[in-house]
Amino acid sequence: MNRNILYFDNAATSWPKPEATIMTVDSCLRETGGSPGRSGHSLSIDAGRVIFNAREVLAGLLGIDDPLRIVLTKNATEALNIAVFGLLKPGDHVITSSMEHNSVMRPLRAMEANGVDLTVLPCSTAGELDPGVIVPAIKKNTKAIFLTHASNVTGTIISVADIGRIAREHGLVFCVDAAQTAGTLPIDIGAMDIDLLAFTGHKSLFGPQGTGGLYIREDLEQVISPLMRGGTGSRSEYEEQPDFMPDKFESGTPNTSGYAGLTAGINFILSQGLNTINAHKKSLTKLFLHGIGAVDGVTIYGLKDASRRIAVVSFNIQGMDPAKAALDLDERFGIMSRPGLHCAPSAHRTIGTFPTGAIRFSFGWFNTDEEIYQAVEAVRVLANQK
């Protein structure tokens, strides 16, 4: 682009990517062109090694003992669809929250129409879910709890460790949507009692689009049906789908170059330090909240405490449609943001912004304090001219 831009849409996809991600994808396409697991020649073997390396770095980052417990998908949405449609059956009861993304809500609503009993627990207007409301919602036929780790609208962090403990005590499957937190917040599968973890590669993991995954706890794969069936490169003599991990859920040629880039993105995180990245993004969030909090006519949604939220801030300017405000921010100030409902209408109903939604700024590792100052000034200009 010929103009300077301020990119505040990292909750949609992180940009820019680390140079290592870009170079690794390029190298893989140029030098590792084989199909992993589909042939015995050296390029196919090299491609298989790329895929396994991706599993290994993901396992290390997420506290997973066995890399083969990770199903590689094209995004968190596919991972959540595997979990919902593969696990739930008519007559089951499932618990979720009012802050969920449509990648959780739409599959659950589809299963509700097919005979699954769904309880949507209300959250506060700041997007908080009190773990104390979980136990009273549990029924005799409750099978699972599906929850976001952090809202893509308010950025509010959910107490997944506390809820995971409740799920374990009651023998429930606990599925966490980590689309917004993998690569930002520390995640430990065992310590958080997580049975299923869905994540995407193209947000805070600094990978390319078209990458993601689903962690499945040991033995749980036996009661989850695959979302699709087809060639896996294994057990080719059988016309039935393999029943072992991860092949049961990985049909079709994988995005080898994408997973090469994802591995590079995760290695970038490890080189910088996850806690360092998290601290930087929280610092930017605190700075922005403080800045626009002093602007008359601006309503901020979610918690004011930056330590209890990820680097996602949704707000509105009094008297301005969020779509119009976002367009002005783009055209006049070069600020890339996202207005509207953010694929989470239930969350916007919860915070009181449905149906018009809000403007969302989401910050990343490559944003700076100076960019935050410019953003605050841009919001101030719009607020003063309405």
Protein backbone atom coordinates (compact mmCIF):
# COMPACT_ATOMS: atom_id res chain seq x y z
CA MET A 1 0.00 0.00 0.00
CA ASN A 2 1.16 3.51 -0.73
CA ARG A 3 -0.06 5.08 2.48
CA ASN A 4 0.83 4.55 6.10
CA ILE A 5 -1.72 2.42 7.87
CA LEU A 6 -2.44 1.58 11.48
CA TYR A 7 -3.55 -2.04 11.55
CA PHE A 8 -5.88 -2.70 14.49
CA ASP A 9 -7.69 -5.79 13.22
CA ASN A 10 -5.53 -8.52 14.69
CA ALA A 11 -8.54 -10.29 16.20
CA ALA A 12 -9.62 -11.03 12.62
CA THR A 13 -6.14 -12.00 11.44
CA SER A 14 -2.70 -10.88 12.59
CA TRP A 15 -0.75 -8.58 10.29
CA PRO A 16 2.01 -8.16 9.47
CA LYS A 17 3.37 -11.67 9.84
CA PRO A 18 6.92 -12.25 11.07
CA GLU A 19 9.41 -12.38 8.23
CA ALA A 20 10.22 -15.95 9.24
CA THR A 21 6.62 -17.01 8.54
CA ILE A 22 6.72 -15.54 5.06
CA MET A 23 10.13 -16.92 4.18
CA THR A 24 9.30 -20.39 5.50
CA VAL A 25 6.13 -20.63 3.42
CA ASP A 26 8.11 -19.54 0.37
CA SER A 27 10.86 -22.06 1.06
CA CYS A 28 8.39 -24.89 1.59
CA LEU A 29 6.63 -24.20 -1.70
CA ARG A 30 9.93 -24.01 -3.54
CA GLU A 31 11.77 -26.89 -1.92
CA THR A 32 9.25 -29.20 -0.20
CA GLY A 33 6.63 -29.78 -2.82
CA GLY A 34 5.61 -33.32 -2.03
CA SER A 35 2.36 -34.60 -0.56
CA PRO A 36 2.87 -35.68 3.07
CA GLY A 37 2.16 -39.33 3.80
CA ARG A 38 1.04 -40.02 0.24
CA SER A 39 4.31 -41.28 -1.28
CA GLY A 40 7.63 -42.78 -0.27
CA HIS A 41 9.97 -40.41 -2.09
CA SER A 42 12.14 -37.84 -0.36
CA LEU A 43 9.93 -34.82 -1.05
CA SER A 44 6.92 -36.60 0.45
CA ILE A 45 8.98 -37.59 3.48
CA ASP A 46 10.18 -34.00 3.88
CA ALA A 47 6.58 -32.77 3.69
CA GLY A 48 5.56 -35.30 6.35
CA ARG A 49 8.31 -33.97 8.55
CA VAL A 50 6.92 -30.43 8.13
CA ILE A 51 3.51 -31.59 9.33
CA PHE A 52 4.92 -33.44 12.34
CA ASN A 53 7.10 -30.48 13.28
CA ALA A 54 3.96 -28.34 13.38
CA ARG A 55 2.31 -30.79 15.77
CA GLU A 56 5.40 -30.80 17.99
CA VAL A 57 5.68 -27.02 18.37
CA LEU A 58 1.93 -26.73 18.97
CA ALA A 59 2.10 -29.44 21.63
CA GLY A 60 4.97 -27.67 23.35
CA LEU A 61 3.16 -24.33 23.36
CA LEU A 62 -0.16 -25.72 24.62
CA GLY A 63 1.10 -28.17 27.25
CA ILE A 64 0.13 -31.27 25.27
CA ASP A 65 2.16 -34.41 25.99
CA ASP A 66 1.43 -36.26 22.74
CA PRO A 67 1.62 -34.28 19.46
CA LEU A 68 -0.60 -36.89 17.80
CA ARG A 69 -3.49 -35.70 19.97
CA ILE A 70 -3.65 -32.61 17.72
CA VAL A 71 -5.88 -32.73 14.67
CA LEU A 72 -4.75 -30.23 12.06
CA THR A 73 -7.64 -28.26 10.53
CA LYS A 74 -7.99 -25.26 8.27
CA ASN A 75 -9.17 -23.01 11.14
CA ALA A 76 -10.83 -22.96 14.55
CA THR A 77 -14.26 -23.09 12.93
CA GLU A 78 -13.58 -26.49 11.40
CA ALA A 79 -12.16 -27.67 14.72
CA LEU A 80 -15.30 -26.59 16.58
CA ASN A 81 -17.54 -28.22 14.00
CA ILE A 82 -15.68 -31.50 14.51
CA ALA A 83 -16.20 -31.17 18.26
CA VAL A 84 -19.88 -30.22 18.14
CA PHE A 85 -21.17 -32.47 15.35
CA GLY A 86 -18.88 -35.35 16.24
CA LEU A 87 -19.58 -35.44 19.98
CA LEU A 88 -23.21 -34.46 20.55
CA LYS A 89 -26.23 -36.65 19.92
CA PRO A 90 -30.00 -36.02 20.15
CA GLY A 91 -31.03 -36.13 23.80
CA ASP A 92 -27.74 -34.72 25.07
CA HIS A 93 -27.61 -31.48 27.04
CA VAL A 94 -24.85 -28.94 26.47
CA ILE A 95 -23.93 -25.71 28.27
CA THR A 96 -22.47 -22.60 26.66
CA SER A 97 -22.38 -18.83 27.29
CA SER A 98 -23.96 -15.75 25.77
CA MET A 99 -20.54 -14.43 24.65
CA GLU A 100 -19.81 -17.12 22.09
CA HIS A 101 -18.72 -16.57 18.50
CA ASN A 102 -20.95 -17.99 15.78
CA SER A 103 -18.36 -20.71 15.21
CA VAL A 104 -19.68 -22.15 18.47
CA MET A 105 -23.27 -20.91 18.40
CA ARG A 106 -24.23 -21.90 14.87
CA PRO A 107 -23.16 -25.56 15.19
CA LEU A 108 -24.83 -25.72 18.61
CA ARG A 109 -28.05 -24.19 17.26
CA ALA A 110 -27.99 -26.70 14.42
CA MET A 111 -27.69 -29.53 16.94
CA GLU A 112 -30.45 -27.95 19.05
CA ALA A 113 -32.72 -28.20 16.02
CA ASN A 114 -31.73 -31.86 15.84
CA GLY A 115 -32.73 -32.71 19.41
CA VAL A 116 -29.86 -31.48 21.60
CA ASP A 117 -30.88 -29.54 24.72
CA LEU A 118 -28.95 -26.25 24.84
CA THR A 119 -28.48 -23.93 27.82
CA VAL A 120 -26.97 -20.52 27.10
CA LEU A 121 -25.75 -19.00 30.36
CA PRO A 122 -26.08 -15.20 30.50
CA CYS A 123 -22.90 -13.19 31.01
CA SER A 124 -22.56 -9.73 32.50
CA THR A 125 -22.63 -6.66 30.28
CA ALA A 126 -18.83 -6.69 30.53
CA GLY A 127 -18.73 -10.22 29.14
CA GLU A 128 -17.93 -11.98 32.42
CA LEU A 129 -19.17 -15.48 33.24
CA ASP A 130 -19.44 -16.41 36.91
CA PRO A 131 -18.22 -20.03 37.30
CA GLY A 132 -20.79 -20.36 40.09
CA VAL A 133 -23.63 -20.51 37.56
CA ILE A 134 -22.26 -23.68 35.94
CA VAL A 135 -23.25 -26.28 38.55
CA PRO A 136 -26.93 -25.23 38.81
CA ALA A 137 -27.18 -25.54 35.02
CA ILE A 138 -25.96 -29.16 34.95
CA LYS A 139 -28.63 -31.79 34.24
CA LYS A 140 -28.62 -35.59 34.29
CA ASN A 141 -28.10 -35.64 30.51
CA THR A 142 -25.46 -32.90 30.36
CA LYS A 143 -22.59 -34.08 28.19
CA ALA A 144 -20.40 -31.04 27.56
CA ILE A 145 -19.54 -27.41 28.20
CA PHE A 146 -18.47 -25.25 25.24
CA LEU A 147 -16.89 -21.89 26.11
CA THR A 148 -14.71 -19.23 24.61
CA HIS A 149 -11.42 -18.52 26.40
CA ALA A 150 -11.76 -14.80 25.66
CA SER A 151 -14.44 -12.84 23.85
CA ASN A 152 -13.67 -11.50 20.39
CA VAL A 153 -16.01 -8.57 21.18
CA THR A 154 -15.10 -7.36 24.67
CA GLY A 155 -11.79 -9.18 25.10
CA THR A 156 -12.98 -10.42 28.51
CA ILE A 157 -11.03 -13.47 29.69
CA ILE A 158 -13.15 -16.36 30.98
CA SER A 159 -11.99 -18.37 34.01
CA VAL A 160 -11.54 -21.59 32.04
CA ALA A 161 -9.41 -23.28 34.72
CA ASP A 162 -12.20 -22.90 37.30
CA ILE A 163 -14.83 -24.10 34.87
CA GLY A 164 -12.62 -26.95 33.70
CA ARG A 165 -12.35 -28.13 37.29
CA ILE A 166 -16.14 -28.13 37.58
CA ALA A 167 -16.46 -30.07 34.33
CA ARG A 168 -13.97 -32.67 35.54
CA GLU A 169 -15.75 -33.08 38.88
CA HIS A 170 -19.04 -33.75 37.08
CA GLY A 171 -17.64 -35.96 34.33
CA LEU A 172 -18.41 -33.48 31.54
CA VAL A 173 -16.47 -32.88 28.34
CA PHE A 174 -14.96 -29.39 28.38
CA CYS A 175 -14.34 -27.74 25.01
CA VAL A 176 -12.55 -24.39 24.86
CA ASP A 177 -12.51 -22.02 21.88
CA ALA A 178 -9.00 -20.54 21.99
CA ALA A 179 -9.19 -18.69 18.66
CA GLN A 180 -8.39 -15.39 20.39
CA THR A 181 -5.97 -16.64 23.04
CA ALA A 182 -3.62 -19.26 21.57
CA GLY A 183 -0.32 -17.44 21.19
CA THR A 184 -1.27 -14.67 23.63
CA LEU A 185 -2.30 -16.26 26.93
CA PRO A 186 -0.57 -19.24 28.55
CA ILE A 187 -2.61 -22.40 27.94
CA ASP A 188 -1.96 -25.66 29.76
CA ILE A 189 -4.33 -28.44 28.77
CA GLY A 190 -3.76 -30.49 31.91
CA ALA A 191 -3.81 -27.67 34.44
CA MET A 192 -7.01 -26.26 32.92
CA ASP A 193 -8.76 -29.66 32.65
CA ILE A 194 -9.46 -29.07 28.95
CA ASP A 195 -10.71 -32.05 26.93
CA LEU A 196 -11.07 -30.32 23.56
CA LEU A 197 -9.21 -27.18 22.49
CA ALA A 198 -9.97 -25.45 19.20
CA PHE A 199 -7.50 -22.88 17.87
CA THR A 200 -6.58 -21.07 14.70
CA GLY A 201 -3.14 -20.44 13.26
CA HIS A 202 -3.60 -17.10 11.53
CA LYS A 203 -4.29 -14.88 14.53
CA SER A 204 -1.90 -14.70 17.50
CA LEU A 205 0.08 -17.76 16.39
CA PHE A 206 1.41 -15.70 13.43
CA GLY A 207 0.70 -18.45 10.91
CA PRO A 208 -0.93 -18.20 7.48
CA GLN A 209 -4.66 -18.34 6.98
CA GLY A 210 -5.96 -21.84 6.39
CA THR A 211 -4.29 -23.34 9.46
CA GLY A 212 -5.67 -24.39 12.83
CA GLY A 213 -6.28 -27.40 14.99
CA LEU A 214 -8.24 -29.34 17.56
CA TYR A 215 -6.70 -31.03 20.59
CA ILE A 216 -8.60 -34.17 21.63
CA ARG A 217 -8.01 -35.77 25.01
CA GLU A 218 -6.86 -39.40 25.00
CA ASP A 219 -9.68 -41.91 24.37
CA LEU A 220 -12.21 -39.14 23.66
CA GLU A 221 -11.69 -39.62 19.92
CA GLN A 222 -13.49 -42.96 20.26
CA VAL A 223 -16.83 -41.21 20.83
CA ILE A 224 -16.33 -38.39 18.29
CA SER A 225 -17.34 -38.98 14.68
CA PRO A 226 -15.23 -37.39 11.92
CA LEU A 227 -16.67 -34.38 10.12
CA MET A 228 -15.49 -35.76 6.78
CA ARG A 229 -14.00 -38.96 5.43
CA GLY A 230 -11.53 -39.71 2.67
CA GLY A 231 -7.90 -40.31 1.88
CA THR A 232 -5.50 -40.09 4.82
CA GLY A 233 -2.41 -41.77 3.37
CA SER A 234 -2.85 -44.55 5.94
CA ARG A 235 -4.65 -47.91 5.81
CA SER A 236 -5.24 -47.40 2.10
CA GLU A 237 -6.27 -51.04 1.71
CA TYR A 238 -9.50 -50.31 3.63
CA GLU A 239 -12.50 -48.37 2.39
CA GLU A 240 -13.49 -47.49 5.96
CA GLN A 241 -12.10 -44.44 7.75
CA PRO A 242 -9.14 -45.11 10.12
CA ASP A 243 -10.17 -45.05 13.77
CA PHE A 244 -6.92 -43.75 15.28
CA MET A 245 -5.53 -40.27 15.95
CA PRO A 246 -5.08 -38.02 14.13
CA ASP A 247 -5.93 -39.78 10.86
CA LYS A 248 -9.56 -40.32 11.86
CA PHE A 249 -10.18 -36.58 11.52
CA GLU A 250 -7.65 -35.58 8.84
CA SER A 251 -8.92 -36.51 5.39
CA GLY A 252 -7.44 -34.93 2.28
CA THR A 253 -4.09 -33.39 1.50
CA PRO A 254 -3.08 -30.94 4.27
CA ASN A 255 -1.86 -27.38 3.86
CA THR A 256 1.82 -28.29 4.16
CA SER A 257 3.23 -24.87 3.33
CA GLY A 258 0.73 -23.27 5.71
CA TYR A 259 1.85 -25.50 8.56
CA ALA A 260 5.47 -24.76 7.75
CA GLY A 261 4.61 -21.09 8.19
CA LEU A 262 2.66 -21.81 11.37
CA THR A 263 5.69 -23.59 12.83
CA ALA A 264 7.80 -20.54 12.05
CA GLY A 265 5.18 -18.29 13.64
CA ILE A 266 5.18 -20.32 16.85
CA ASN A 267 8.97 -20.38 16.93
CA PHE A 268 8.82 -16.58 16.64
CA ILE A 269 6.55 -16.49 19.71
CA LEU A 270 8.96 -18.72 21.62
CA SER A 271 11.92 -16.54 20.63
CA GLN A 272 10.19 -13.38 21.88
CA GLY A 273 8.60 -15.05 24.89
CA LEU A 274 4.87 -15.61 25.30
CA ASN A 275 4.78 -13.55 28.49
CA THR A 276 6.64 -10.72 26.78
CA ILE A 277 4.14 -10.66 23.92
CA ASN A 278 1.21 -10.78 26.34
CA ALA A 279 2.65 -7.95 28.43
CA HIS A 280 3.19 -5.75 25.36
CA LYS A 281 -0.35 -6.23 24.12
CA LYS A 282 -1.80 -5.55 27.58
CA SER A 283 0.29 -2.38 27.78
CA LEU A 284 -1.12 -1.18 24.45
CA THR A 285 -4.64 -2.03 25.61
CA LYS A 286 -4.19 -0.14 28.89
CA LEU A 287 -2.83 2.88 27.03
CA PHE A 288 -5.76 2.90 24.60
CA LEU A 289 -8.39 2.41 27.29
CA HIS A 290 -6.93 5.29 29.26
CA GLY A 291 -6.79 7.50 26.19
CA ILE A 292 -10.29 7.05 24.81
CA GLY A 293 -11.71 6.86 28.32
CA ALA A 294 -11.04 10.60 28.52
CA VAL A 295 -12.87 11.37 25.26
CA ASP A 296 -16.42 12.67 25.73
CA GLY A 297 -19.07 10.73 23.86
CA VAL A 298 -17.16 7.45 23.66
CA THR A 299 -18.66 4.31 25.20
CA ILE A 300 -16.22 1.47 25.92
CA TYR A 301 -17.49 -2.10 26.29
CA GLY A 302 -15.97 -4.73 28.53
CA LEU A 303 -13.79 -4.50 31.61
CA LYS A 304 -11.72 -1.37 32.18
CA ASP A 305 -8.96 -3.49 33.73
CA ALA A 306 -6.53 -4.40 30.92
CA SER A 307 -5.12 -7.29 32.97
CA ARG A 308 -8.46 -9.13 32.72
CA ARG A 309 -8.89 -8.83 28.98
CA ILE A 310 -6.99 -9.56 25.80
CA ALA A 311 -5.98 -6.80 23.38
CA VAL A 312 -9.50 -6.34 21.98
CA VAL A 313 -11.42 -3.12 22.64
CA SER A 314 -14.90 -2.45 21.26
CA PHE A 315 -16.40 1.02 21.55
CA ASN A 316 -18.90 3.38 20.00
CA ILE A 317 -18.93 7.10 19.38
CA GLN A 318 -22.18 8.74 20.43
CA GLY A 319 -24.27 9.77 17.44
CA MET A 320 -22.18 7.86 14.89
CA ASP A 321 -23.00 4.58 13.23
CA PRO A 322 -20.04 2.24 13.88
CA ALA A 323 -19.75 1.33 10.20
CA LYS A 324 -19.56 5.02 9.24
CA ALA A 325 -17.04 5.70 12.01
CA ALA A 326 -14.85 2.80 10.89
CA LEU A 327 -14.98 4.04 7.30
CA ASP A 328 -13.88 7.50 8.43
CA LEU A 329 -11.07 5.99 10.49
CA ASP A 330 -9.87 4.14 7.40
CA GLU A 331 -10.20 6.89 4.81
CA ARG A 332 -9.09 9.84 6.94
CA PHE A 333 -6.59 8.30 9.34
CA GLY A 334 -5.48 5.04 7.74
CA ILE A 335 -6.80 3.03 10.70
CA MET A 336 -7.87 -0.54 9.93
CA SER A 337 -10.59 -1.68 12.37
CA ARG A 338 -13.71 -3.83 12.27
CA PRO A 339 -17.23 -2.52 12.85
CA GLY A 340 -20.46 -4.44 13.24
CA LEU A 341 -21.39 -7.62 15.07
CA HIS A 342 -18.07 -9.48 14.72
CA CYS A 343 -19.82 -12.81 13.98
CA ALA A 344 -21.05 -12.79 17.59
CA PRO A 345 -24.63 -11.50 17.75
CA SER A 346 -25.28 -13.12 21.12
CA ALA A 347 -22.31 -11.25 22.59
CA HIS A 348 -23.62 -7.96 21.24
CA ARG A 349 -27.06 -8.65 22.69
CA THR A 350 -25.32 -9.27 26.01
CA ILE A 351 -23.47 -5.96 26.01
CA GLY A 352 -26.40 -4.01 24.55
CA THR A 353 -25.04 -3.16 21.10
CA PHE A 354 -27.28 -5.33 18.93
CA PRO A 355 -28.12 -4.86 16.06
CA THR A 356 -25.71 -2.11 14.97
CA GLY A 357 -22.69 -3.47 16.82
CA ALA A 358 -19.55 -1.53 17.66
CA ILE A 359 -16.13 -0.50 16.40
CA ARG A 360 -13.43 -2.99 17.37
CA PHE A 361 -9.72 -2.24 17.70
CA SER A 362 -7.52 -5.27 18.29
CA PHE A 363 -3.81 -4.81 18.87
CA GLY A 364 -0.86 -7.04 18.05
CA TRP A 365 2.81 -7.52 18.75
CA PHE A 366 3.86 -5.18 15.94
CA ASN A 367 1.76 -2.24 17.12
CA THR A 368 3.48 0.58 19.02
CA ASP A 369 2.67 3.16 21.68
CA GLU A 370 2.92 5.89 19.05
CA GLU A 371 0.23 4.19 16.99
CA ILE A 372 -2.02 4.11 20.05
CA TYR A 373 -1.55 7.84 20.58
CA GLN A 374 -2.49 8.44 16.93
CA ALA A 375 -5.55 6.23 17.30
CA VAL A 376 -6.76 8.04 20.41
CA GLU A 377 -6.39 11.37 18.64
CA ALA A 378 -8.33 10.07 15.62
CA VAL A 379 -11.19 8.92 17.86
CA ARG A 380 -11.13 12.29 19.62
CA VAL A 381 -11.44 14.11 16.27
CA LEU A 382 -14.43 12.02 15.23
CA ALA A 383 -16.12 12.37 18.62
CA ASN A 384 -15.74 16.15 18.56
CA GLN A 385 -17.19 16.59 15.08
CA LYS A 386 -20.31 14.43 15.33
